[in-house]
């Protein structure tokens, strides 16, 4: 059995590399990103890229303002962790 991603970004909204991440951030925040990346030891660099890629994806999300407003208003739909794990298992996705 194979599983398909729940949501795909085609093309990927933020490329998974330093330039793509920096381009998705404001200039001030991109400076923070580059400073952290340049200060990272080689074994830490992957973690820095992954963490900042997540932030860049959030900041470049076209629906971000709506989701923030929904979260602040307490109207954002939620799901129990166990239910999410069950859904991922049923879809053949990793849960660890």
PDB file of N, CA and C in Angstrom:
ATOM      1  N   UNK A   1       0.841  -1.163   0.000  1.00  0.00           N
ATOM      2  CA  UNK A   1       0.000   0.000   0.000  1.00  0.00           C
ATOM      3  C   UNK A   1       0.895   1.238   0.000  1.00  0.00           C
ATOM      4  N   UNK A   2       0.479   2.280  -0.703  1.00  0.00           N
ATOM      5  CA  UNK A   2       1.217   3.532  -0.710  1.00  0.00           C
ATOM      6  C   UNK A   2       0.336   4.641  -0.161  1.00  0.00           C
ATOM      7  N   UNK A   3       0.970   5.674   0.302  1.00  0.00           N
ATOM      8  CA  UNK A   3       0.233   6.813   0.838  1.00  0.00           C
ATOM      9  C   UNK A   3       0.653   8.071   0.099  1.00  0.00           C
ATOM     10  N   UNK A   4      -0.289   8.918  -0.174  1.00  0.00           N
ATOM     11  CA  UNK A   4      -0.021  10.194  -0.809  1.00  0.00           C
ATOM     12  C   UNK A   4      -0.046  11.284   0.252  1.00  0.00           C
ATOM     13  N   UNK A   5       0.725  12.352   0.058  1.00  0.00           N
ATOM     14  CA  UNK A   5       0.665  13.452   1.016  1.00  0.00           C
ATOM     15  C   UNK A   5      -0.749  14.000   1.116  1.00  0.00           C
ATOM     16  N   UNK A   6      -1.117  14.459   2.297  1.00  0.00           N
ATOM     17  CA  UNK A   6      -2.440  15.033   2.493  1.00  0.00           C
ATOM     18  C   UNK A   6      -2.566  16.312   1.681  1.00  0.00           C
ATOM     19  N   UNK A   7      -1.555  17.174   1.775  1.00  0.00           N
ATOM     20  CA  UNK A   7      -1.528  18.411   0.997  1.00  0.00           C
ATOM     21  C   UNK A   7      -0.157  18.555   0.375  1.00  0.00           C
ATOM     22  N   UNK A   8      -0.130  18.871  -0.893  1.00  0.00           N
ATOM     23  CA  UNK A   8       1.147  19.110  -1.570  1.00  0.00           C
ATOM     24  C   UNK A   8       1.204  20.547  -2.020  1.00  0.00           C
ATOM     25  N   UNK A   9       2.397  21.098  -1.970  1.00  0.00           N
ATOM     26  CA  UNK A   9       2.623  22.443  -2.481  1.00  0.00           C
ATOM     27  C   UNK A   9       3.360  22.280  -3.800  1.00  0.00           C
ATOM     28  N   UNK A  10       2.690  22.584  -4.888  1.00  0.00           N
ATOM     29  CA  UNK A  10       3.320  22.452  -6.197  1.00  0.00           C
ATOM     30  C   UNK A  10       3.315  23.783  -6.906  1.00  0.00           C
ATOM     31  N   UNK A  11       4.422  24.357  -7.235  1.00  0.00           N
ATOM     32  CA  UNK A  11       5.729  23.987  -6.705  1.00  0.00           C
ATOM     33  C   UNK A  11       5.818  24.342  -5.225  1.00  0.00           C
ATOM     34  N   UNK A  12       6.824  23.787  -4.585  1.00  0.00           N
ATOM     35  CA  UNK A  12       6.988  24.029  -3.161  1.00  0.00           C
ATOM     36  C   UNK A  12       7.053  25.536  -2.908  1.00  0.00           C
ATOM     37  N   UNK A  13       6.223  26.018  -2.005  1.00  0.00           N
ATOM     38  CA  UNK A  13       6.130  27.457  -1.751  1.00  0.00           C
ATOM     39  C   UNK A  13       7.464  28.024  -1.281  1.00  0.00           C
ATOM     40  N   UNK A  14       8.143  27.300  -0.414  1.00  0.00           N
ATOM     41  CA  UNK A  14       9.452  27.732   0.075  1.00  0.00           C
ATOM     42  C   UNK A  14      10.437  26.604  -0.202  1.00  0.00           C
ATOM     43  N   UNK A  15      11.370  26.821  -1.120  1.00  0.00           N
ATOM     44  CA  UNK A  15      12.370  25.777  -1.379  1.00  0.00           C
ATOM     45  C   UNK A  15      13.145  25.437  -0.108  1.00  0.00           C
ATOM     46  N   UNK A  16      13.489  24.186   0.045  1.00  0.00           N
ATOM     47  CA  UNK A  16      14.186  23.729   1.252  1.00  0.00           C
ATOM     48  C   UNK A  16      15.690  23.948   1.145  1.00  0.00           C
ATOM     49  N   UNK A  17      16.060  25.206   0.992  1.00  0.00           N
ATOM     50  CA  UNK A  17      17.478  25.566   0.997  1.00  0.00           C
ATOM     51  C   UNK A  17      17.589  26.966   1.592  1.00  0.00           C
ATOM     52  N   UNK A  18      18.823  27.376   1.902  1.00  0.00           N
ATOM     53  CA  UNK A  18      19.036  28.647   2.598  1.00  0.00           C
ATOM     54  C   UNK A  18      18.478  29.825   1.808  1.00  0.00           C
ATOM     55  N   UNK A  19      18.698  29.862   0.524  1.00  0.00           N
ATOM     56  CA  UNK A  19      18.209  30.981  -0.283  1.00  0.00           C
ATOM     57  C   UNK A  19      16.683  31.035  -0.296  1.00  0.00           C
ATOM     58  N   UNK A  20      16.048  29.888  -0.469  1.00  0.00           N
ATOM     59  CA  UNK A  20      14.593  29.846  -0.483  1.00  0.00           C
ATOM     60  C   UNK A  20      14.005  30.292   0.843  1.00  0.00           C
ATOM     61  N   UNK A  21      14.622  29.849   1.930  1.00  0.00           N
ATOM     62  CA  UNK A  21      14.154  30.238   3.261  1.00  0.00           C
ATOM     63  C   UNK A  21      14.299  31.743   3.449  1.00  0.00           C
ATOM     64  N   UNK A  22      15.475  32.267   3.149  1.00  0.00           N
ATOM     65  CA  UNK A  22      15.736  33.698   3.333  1.00  0.00           C
ATOM     66  C   UNK A  22      14.798  34.547   2.471  1.00  0.00           C
ATOM     67  N   UNK A  23      14.523  34.101   1.255  1.00  0.00           N
ATOM     68  CA  UNK A  23      13.644  34.856   0.361  1.00  0.00           C
ATOM     69  C   UNK A  23      12.214  34.941   0.886  1.00  0.00           C
ATOM     70  N   UNK A  24      11.792  33.953   1.679  1.00  0.00           N
ATOM     71  CA  UNK A  24      10.427  33.928   2.198  1.00  0.00           C
ATOM     72  C   UNK A  24      10.272  34.752   3.479  1.00  0.00           C
ATOM     73  N   UNK A  25      11.394  35.197   4.045  1.00  0.00           N
ATOM     74  CA  UNK A  25      11.372  35.959   5.290  1.00  0.00           C
ATOM     75  C   UNK A  25      11.533  37.446   5.013  1.00  0.00           C
ATOM     76  N   UNK A  26      11.147  38.259   5.984  1.00  0.00           N
ATOM     77  CA  UNK A  26      11.417  39.689   5.858  1.00  0.00           C
ATOM     78  C   UNK A  26      12.930  39.886   5.936  1.00  0.00           C
ATOM     79  N   UNK A  27      13.459  40.977   5.402  1.00  0.00           N
ATOM     80  CA  UNK A  27      14.908  41.186   5.442  1.00  0.00           C
ATOM     81  C   UNK A  27      15.496  41.131   6.853  1.00  0.00           C
ATOM     82  N   UNK A  28      14.801  41.685   7.832  1.00  0.00           N
ATOM     83  CA  UNK A  28      15.307  41.665   9.207  1.00  0.00           C
ATOM     84  C   UNK A  28      15.369  40.246   9.755  1.00  0.00           C
ATOM     85  N   UNK A  29      14.325  39.475   9.510  1.00  0.00           N
ATOM     86  CA  UNK A  29      14.266  38.101   9.999  1.00  0.00           C
ATOM     87  C   UNK A  29      15.255  37.224   9.231  1.00  0.00           C
ATOM     88  N   UNK A  30      15.442  37.500   7.941  1.00  0.00           N
ATOM     89  CA  UNK A  30      16.414  36.740   7.144  1.00  0.00           C
ATOM     90  C   UNK A  30      17.818  36.926   7.710  1.00  0.00           C
ATOM     91  N   UNK A  31      18.126  38.115   8.220  1.00  0.00           N
ATOM     92  CA  UNK A  31      19.439  38.347   8.843  1.00  0.00           C
ATOM     93  C   UNK A  31      19.610  37.449  10.063  1.00  0.00           C
ATOM     94  N   UNK A  32      18.545  37.312  10.864  1.00  0.00           N
ATOM     95  CA  UNK A  32      18.591  36.419  12.030  1.00  0.00           C
ATOM     96  C   UNK A  32      18.848  34.982  11.574  1.00  0.00           C
ATOM     97  N   UNK A  33      18.136  34.568  10.527  1.00  0.00           N
ATOM     98  CA  UNK A  33      18.303  33.217   9.994  1.00  0.00           C
ATOM     99  C   UNK A  33      19.744  32.973   9.560  1.00  0.00           C
ATOM    100  N   UNK A  34      20.283  33.878   8.737  1.00  0.00           N
ATOM    101  CA  UNK A  34      21.650  33.701   8.254  1.00  0.00           C
ATOM    102  C   UNK A  34      22.651  33.711   9.402  1.00  0.00           C
ATOM    103  N   UNK A  35      22.447  34.560  10.397  1.00  0.00           N
ATOM    104  CA  UNK A  35      23.363  34.601  11.548  1.00  0.00           C
ATOM    105  C   UNK A  35      23.360  33.264  12.279  1.00  0.00           C
ATOM    106  N   UNK A  36      22.174  32.698  12.477  1.00  0.00           N
ATOM    107  CA  UNK A  36      22.093  31.406  13.158  1.00  0.00           C
ATOM    108  C   UNK A  36      22.703  30.294  12.308  1.00  0.00           C
ATOM    109  N   UNK A  37      22.442  30.312  11.017  1.00  0.00           N
ATOM    110  CA  UNK A  37      22.989  29.281  10.140  1.00  0.00           C
ATOM    111  C   UNK A  37      24.514  29.350  10.085  1.00  0.00           C
ATOM    112  N   UNK A  38      25.048  30.555   9.971  1.00  0.00           N
ATOM    113  CA  UNK A  38      26.506  30.713   9.892  1.00  0.00           C
ATOM    114  C   UNK A  38      27.197  30.351  11.198  1.00  0.00           C
ATOM    115  N   UNK A  39      26.513  30.504  12.327  1.00  0.00           N
ATOM    116  CA  UNK A  39      27.098  30.175  13.627  1.00  0.00           C
ATOM    117  C   UNK A  39      26.970  28.688  13.970  1.00  0.00           C
ATOM    118  N   UNK A  40      26.150  27.970  13.224  1.00  0.00           N
ATOM    119  CA  UNK A  40      25.889  26.557  13.528  1.00  0.00           C
ATOM    120  C   UNK A  40      27.083  25.676  13.163  1.00  0.00           C
ATOM    121  N   UNK A  41      27.317  24.682  14.018  1.00  0.00           N
ATOM    122  CA  UNK A  41      28.304  23.651  13.679  1.00  0.00           C
ATOM    123  C   UNK A  41      27.701  22.790  12.574  1.00  0.00           C
ATOM    124  N   UNK A  42      28.528  22.092  11.809  1.00  0.00           N
ATOM    125  CA  UNK A  42      27.998  21.281  10.699  1.00  0.00           C
ATOM    126  C   UNK A  42      26.866  20.344  11.115  1.00  0.00           C
ATOM    127  N   UNK A  43      27.000  19.721  12.264  1.00  0.00           N
ATOM    128  CA  UNK A  43      25.961  18.777  12.697  1.00  0.00           C
ATOM    129  C   UNK A  43      24.678  19.494  13.145  1.00  0.00           C
ATOM    130  N   UNK A  44      24.725  20.795  13.359  1.00  0.00           N
ATOM    131  CA  UNK A  44      23.552  21.569  13.746  1.00  0.00           C
ATOM    132  C   UNK A  44      22.860  22.227  12.554  1.00  0.00           C
ATOM    133  N   UNK A  45      23.547  22.331  11.436  1.00  0.00           N
ATOM    134  CA  UNK A  45      23.031  23.083  10.290  1.00  0.00           C
ATOM    135  C   UNK A  45      21.696  22.535   9.778  1.00  0.00           C
ATOM    136  N   UNK A  46      21.548  21.220   9.725  1.00  0.00           N
ATOM    137  CA  UNK A  46      20.297  20.648   9.239  1.00  0.00           C
ATOM    138  C   UNK A  46      19.129  21.063  10.128  1.00  0.00           C
ATOM    139  N   UNK A  47      19.327  21.037  11.433  1.00  0.00           N
ATOM    140  CA  UNK A  47      18.281  21.451  12.359  1.00  0.00           C
ATOM    141  C   UNK A  47      17.909  22.912  12.192  1.00  0.00           C
ATOM    142  N   UNK A  48      18.915  23.757  11.974  1.00  0.00           N
ATOM    143  CA  UNK A  48      18.665  25.184  11.758  1.00  0.00           C
ATOM    144  C   UNK A  48      17.829  25.368  10.494  1.00  0.00           C
ATOM    145  N   UNK A  49      18.223  24.692   9.418  1.00  0.00           N
ATOM    146  CA  UNK A  49      17.474  24.806   8.156  1.00  0.00           C
ATOM    147  C   UNK A  49      16.037  24.321   8.313  1.00  0.00           C
ATOM    148  N   UNK A  50      15.834  23.203   8.976  1.00  0.00           N
ATOM    149  CA  UNK A  50      14.484  22.669   9.153  1.00  0.00           C
ATOM    150  C   UNK A  50      13.615  23.600   9.996  1.00  0.00           C
ATOM    151  N   UNK A  51      14.180  24.106  11.081  1.00  0.00           N
ATOM    152  CA  UNK A  51      13.426  25.001  11.960  1.00  0.00           C
ATOM    153  C   UNK A  51      13.017  26.289  11.227  1.00  0.00           C
ATOM    154  N   UNK A  52      13.977  26.882  10.515  1.00  0.00           N
ATOM    155  CA  UNK A  52      13.684  28.128   9.804  1.00  0.00           C
ATOM    156  C   UNK A  52      12.809  27.886   8.585  1.00  0.00           C
ATOM    157  N   UNK A  53      12.900  26.722   7.958  1.00  0.00           N
ATOM    158  CA  UNK A  53      12.014  26.412   6.832  1.00  0.00           C
ATOM    159  C   UNK A  53      10.566  26.399   7.323  1.00  0.00           C
ATOM    160  N   UNK A  54      10.346  25.803   8.488  1.00  0.00           N
ATOM    161  CA  UNK A  54       8.995  25.790   9.053  1.00  0.00           C
ATOM    162  C   UNK A  54       8.477  27.195   9.287  1.00  0.00           C
ATOM    163  N   UNK A  55       9.324  28.051   9.826  1.00  0.00           N
ATOM    164  CA  UNK A  55       8.913  29.439  10.058  1.00  0.00           C
ATOM    165  C   UNK A  55       8.632  30.151   8.731  1.00  0.00           C
ATOM    166  N   UNK A  56       9.483  29.916   7.739  1.00  0.00           N
ATOM    167  CA  UNK A  56       9.285  30.554   6.431  1.00  0.00           C
ATOM    168  C   UNK A  56       7.983  30.077   5.792  1.00  0.00           C
ATOM    169  N   UNK A  57       7.650  28.799   5.954  1.00  0.00           N
ATOM    170  CA  UNK A  57       6.381  28.282   5.425  1.00  0.00           C
ATOM    171  C   UNK A  57       5.203  28.971   6.107  1.00  0.00           C
ATOM    172  N   UNK A  58       5.289  29.127   7.428  1.00  0.00           N
ATOM    173  CA  UNK A  58       4.208  29.789   8.151  1.00  0.00           C
ATOM    174  C   UNK A  58       4.071  31.251   7.739  1.00  0.00           C
ATOM    175  N   UNK A  59       5.193  31.940   7.621  1.00  0.00           N
ATOM    176  CA  UNK A  59       5.139  33.362   7.297  1.00  0.00           C
ATOM    177  C   UNK A  59       4.710  33.622   5.858  1.00  0.00           C
ATOM    178  N   UNK A  60       4.903  32.656   4.979  1.00  0.00           N
ATOM    179  CA  UNK A  60       4.516  32.848   3.581  1.00  0.00           C
ATOM    180  C   UNK A  60       3.167  32.222   3.253  1.00  0.00           C
ATOM    181  N   UNK A  61       2.485  31.686   4.262  1.00  0.00           N
ATOM    182  CA  UNK A  61       1.184  31.047   4.071  1.00  0.00           C
ATOM    183  C   UNK A  61       0.139  32.100   3.698  1.00  0.00           C
ATOM    184  N   UNK A  62      -0.496  31.967   2.530  1.00  0.00           N
ATOM    185  CA  UNK A  62      -1.476  32.968   2.111  1.00  0.00           C
ATOM    186  C   UNK A  62      -2.683  33.066   3.047  1.00  0.00           C
ATOM    187  N   UNK A  63      -2.994  32.046   3.798  1.00  0.00           N
ATOM    188  CA  UNK A  63      -4.132  32.071   4.718  1.00  0.00           C
ATOM    189  C   UNK A  63      -3.742  32.373   6.153  1.00  0.00           C
ATOM    190  N   UNK A  64      -2.525  32.830   6.342  1.00  0.00           N
ATOM    191  CA  UNK A  64      -1.994  33.037   7.696  1.00  0.00           C
ATOM    192  C   UNK A  64      -2.841  33.996   8.520  1.00  0.00           C
ATOM    193  N   UNK A  65      -3.185  35.147   7.979  1.00  0.00           N
ATOM    194  CA  UNK A  65      -3.940  36.141   8.747  1.00  0.00           C
ATOM    195  C   UNK A  65      -5.282  35.581   9.219  1.00  0.00           C
ATOM    196  N   UNK A  66      -5.942  34.847   8.350  1.00  0.00           N
ATOM    197  CA  UNK A  66      -7.240  34.255   8.714  1.00  0.00           C
ATOM    198  C   UNK A  66      -7.072  33.247   9.841  1.00  0.00           C
ATOM    199  N   UNK A  67      -6.022  32.412   9.742  1.00  0.00           N
ATOM    200  CA  UNK A  67      -5.789  31.410  10.781  1.00  0.00           C
ATOM    201  C   UNK A  67      -5.400  32.047  12.108  1.00  0.00           C
ATOM    202  N   UNK A  68      -4.577  33.082  12.070  1.00  0.00           N
ATOM    203  CA  UNK A  68      -4.196  33.778  13.305  1.00  0.00           C
ATOM    204  C   UNK A  68      -5.432  34.376  13.965  1.00  0.00           C
ATOM    205  N   UNK A  69      -6.267  35.029  13.168  1.00  0.00           N
ATOM    206  CA  UNK A  69      -7.491  35.629  13.712  1.00  0.00           C
ATOM    207  C   UNK A  69      -8.398  34.561  14.321  1.00  0.00           C
ATOM    208  N   UNK A  70      -8.508  33.424  13.658  1.00  0.00           N
ATOM    209  CA  UNK A  70      -9.335  32.326  14.156  1.00  0.00           C
ATOM    210  C   UNK A  70      -8.775  31.775  15.469  1.00  0.00           C
ATOM    211  N   UNK A  71      -7.465  31.620  15.534  1.00  0.00           N
ATOM    212  CA  UNK A  71      -6.840  31.113  16.760  1.00  0.00           C
ATOM    213  C   UNK A  71      -7.038  32.096  17.912  1.00  0.00           C
ATOM    214  N   UNK A  72      -6.834  33.375  17.648  1.00  0.00           N
ATOM    215  CA  UNK A  72      -6.990  34.388  18.690  1.00  0.00           C
ATOM    216  C   UNK A  72      -8.437  34.507  19.157  1.00  0.00           C
ATOM    217  N   UNK A  73      -9.376  34.260  18.257  1.00  0.00           N
ATOM    218  CA  UNK A  73     -10.795  34.341  18.604  1.00  0.00           C
ATOM    219  C   UNK A  73     -11.300  33.058  19.269  1.00  0.00           C
ATOM    220  N   UNK A  74     -10.468  32.012  19.270  1.00  0.00           N
ATOM    221  CA  UNK A  74     -10.882  30.750  19.868  1.00  0.00           C
ATOM    222  C   UNK A  74     -11.841  29.955  19.003  1.00  0.00           C
ATOM    223  N   UNK A  75     -11.870  30.251  17.712  1.00  0.00           N
ATOM    224  CA  UNK A  75     -12.800  29.555  16.814  1.00  0.00           C
ATOM    225  C   UNK A  75     -12.102  28.572  15.881  1.00  0.00           C
ATOM    226  N   UNK A  76     -10.804  28.366  16.066  1.00  0.00           N
ATOM    227  CA  UNK A  76     -10.066  27.449  15.197  1.00  0.00           C
ATOM    228  C   UNK A  76     -10.444  26.010  15.533  1.00  0.00           C
ATOM    229  N   UNK A  77     -10.780  25.217  14.529  1.00  0.00           N
ATOM    230  CA  UNK A  77     -11.099  23.809  14.797  1.00  0.00           C
ATOM    231  C   UNK A  77      -9.883  23.088  15.372  1.00  0.00           C
ATOM    232  N   UNK A  78     -10.121  22.201  16.303  1.00  0.00           N
ATOM    233  CA  UNK A  78      -9.033  21.435  16.912  1.00  0.00           C
ATOM    234  C   UNK A  78      -9.341  19.950  16.794  1.00  0.00           C
ATOM    235  N   UNK A  79      -8.315  19.151  17.064  1.00  0.00           N
ATOM    236  CA  UNK A  79      -8.463  17.702  17.036  1.00  0.00           C
ATOM    237  C   UNK A  79      -7.596  17.127  18.145  1.00  0.00           C
ATOM    238  N   UNK A  80      -8.053  16.084  18.785  1.00  0.00           N
ATOM    239  CA  UNK A  80      -7.292  15.429  19.836  1.00  0.00           C
ATOM    240  C   UNK A  80      -6.058  14.767  19.228  1.00  0.00           C
ATOM    241  N   UNK A  81      -4.989  14.738  19.990  1.00  0.00           N
ATOM    242  CA  UNK A  81      -3.743  14.141  19.500  1.00  0.00           C
ATOM    243  C   UNK A  81      -3.964  12.684  19.109  1.00  0.00           C
ATOM    244  N   UNK A  82      -4.680  11.935  19.931  1.00  0.00           N
ATOM    245  CA  UNK A  82      -4.915  10.526  19.618  1.00  0.00           C
ATOM    246  C   UNK A  82      -5.672  10.364  18.314  1.00  0.00           C
ATOM    247  N   UNK A  83      -6.648  11.227  18.059  1.00  0.00           N
ATOM    248  CA  UNK A  83      -7.396  11.171  16.801  1.00  0.00           C
ATOM    249  C   UNK A  83      -6.477  11.450  15.612  1.00  0.00           C
ATOM    250  N   UNK A  84      -5.574  12.411  15.770  1.00  0.00           N
ATOM    251  CA  UNK A  84      -4.632  12.714  14.690  1.00  0.00           C
ATOM    252  C   UNK A  84      -3.696  11.535  14.445  1.00  0.00           C
ATOM    253  N   UNK A  85      -3.205  10.924  15.518  1.00  0.00           N
ATOM    254  CA  UNK A  85      -2.341   9.753  15.356  1.00  0.00           C
ATOM    255  C   UNK A  85      -3.091   8.627  14.646  1.00  0.00           C
ATOM    256  N   UNK A  86      -4.339   8.413  15.024  1.00  0.00           N
ATOM    257  CA  UNK A  86      -5.151   7.372  14.376  1.00  0.00           C
ATOM    258  C   UNK A  86      -5.332   7.667  12.887  1.00  0.00           C
ATOM    259  N   UNK A  87      -5.577   8.929  12.538  1.00  0.00           N
ATOM    260  CA  UNK A  87      -5.718   9.302  11.126  1.00  0.00           C
ATOM    261  C   UNK A  87      -4.425   9.050  10.356  1.00  0.00           C
ATOM    262  N   UNK A  88      -3.300   9.422  10.968  1.00  0.00           N
ATOM    263  CA  UNK A  88      -2.014   9.226  10.287  1.00  0.00           C
ATOM    264  C   UNK A  88      -1.739   7.738  10.089  1.00  0.00           C
ATOM    265  N   UNK A  89      -2.005   6.948  11.097  1.00  0.00           N
ATOM    266  CA  UNK A  89      -1.806   5.497  10.958  1.00  0.00           C
ATOM    267  C   UNK A  89      -2.689   4.942   9.845  1.00  0.00           C
ATOM    268  N   UNK A  90      -3.953   5.344   9.822  1.00  0.00           N
ATOM    269  CA  UNK A  90      -4.897   4.859   8.818  1.00  0.00           C
ATOM    270  C   UNK A  90      -4.448   5.261   7.409  1.00  0.00           C
ATOM    271  N   UNK A  91      -3.776   6.404   7.309  1.00  0.00           N
ATOM    272  CA  UNK A  91      -3.308   6.873   6.005  1.00  0.00           C
ATOM    273  C   UNK A  91      -1.929   6.312   5.648  1.00  0.00           C
ATOM    274  N   UNK A  92      -1.349   5.496   6.549  1.00  0.00           N
ATOM    275  CA  UNK A  92      -0.036   4.924   6.293  1.00  0.00           C
ATOM    276  C   UNK A  92       1.100   5.907   6.497  1.00  0.00           C
ATOM    277  N   UNK A  93       0.859   6.978   7.255  1.00  0.00           N
ATOM    278  CA  UNK A  93       1.889   7.987   7.505  1.00  0.00           C
ATOM    279  C   UNK A  93       2.636   7.704   8.809  1.00  0.00           C
ATOM    280  N   UNK A  94       3.863   8.167   8.926  1.00  0.00           N
ATOM    281  CA  UNK A  94       4.623   7.930  10.156  1.00  0.00           C
ATOM    282  C   UNK A  94       4.008   8.680  11.334  1.00  0.00           C
ATOM    283  N   UNK A  95       4.126   8.110  12.513  1.00  0.00           N
ATOM    284  CA  UNK A  95       3.598   8.749  13.716  1.00  0.00           C
ATOM    285  C   UNK A  95       4.673   8.930  14.779  1.00  0.00           C
ATOM    286  N   UNK A  96       5.878   8.551  14.508  1.00  0.00           N
ATOM    287  CA  UNK A  96       6.951   8.693  15.496  1.00  0.00           C
ATOM    288  C   UNK A  96       7.889   9.783  15.099  1.00  0.00           C
TER     289      UNK A  96
END
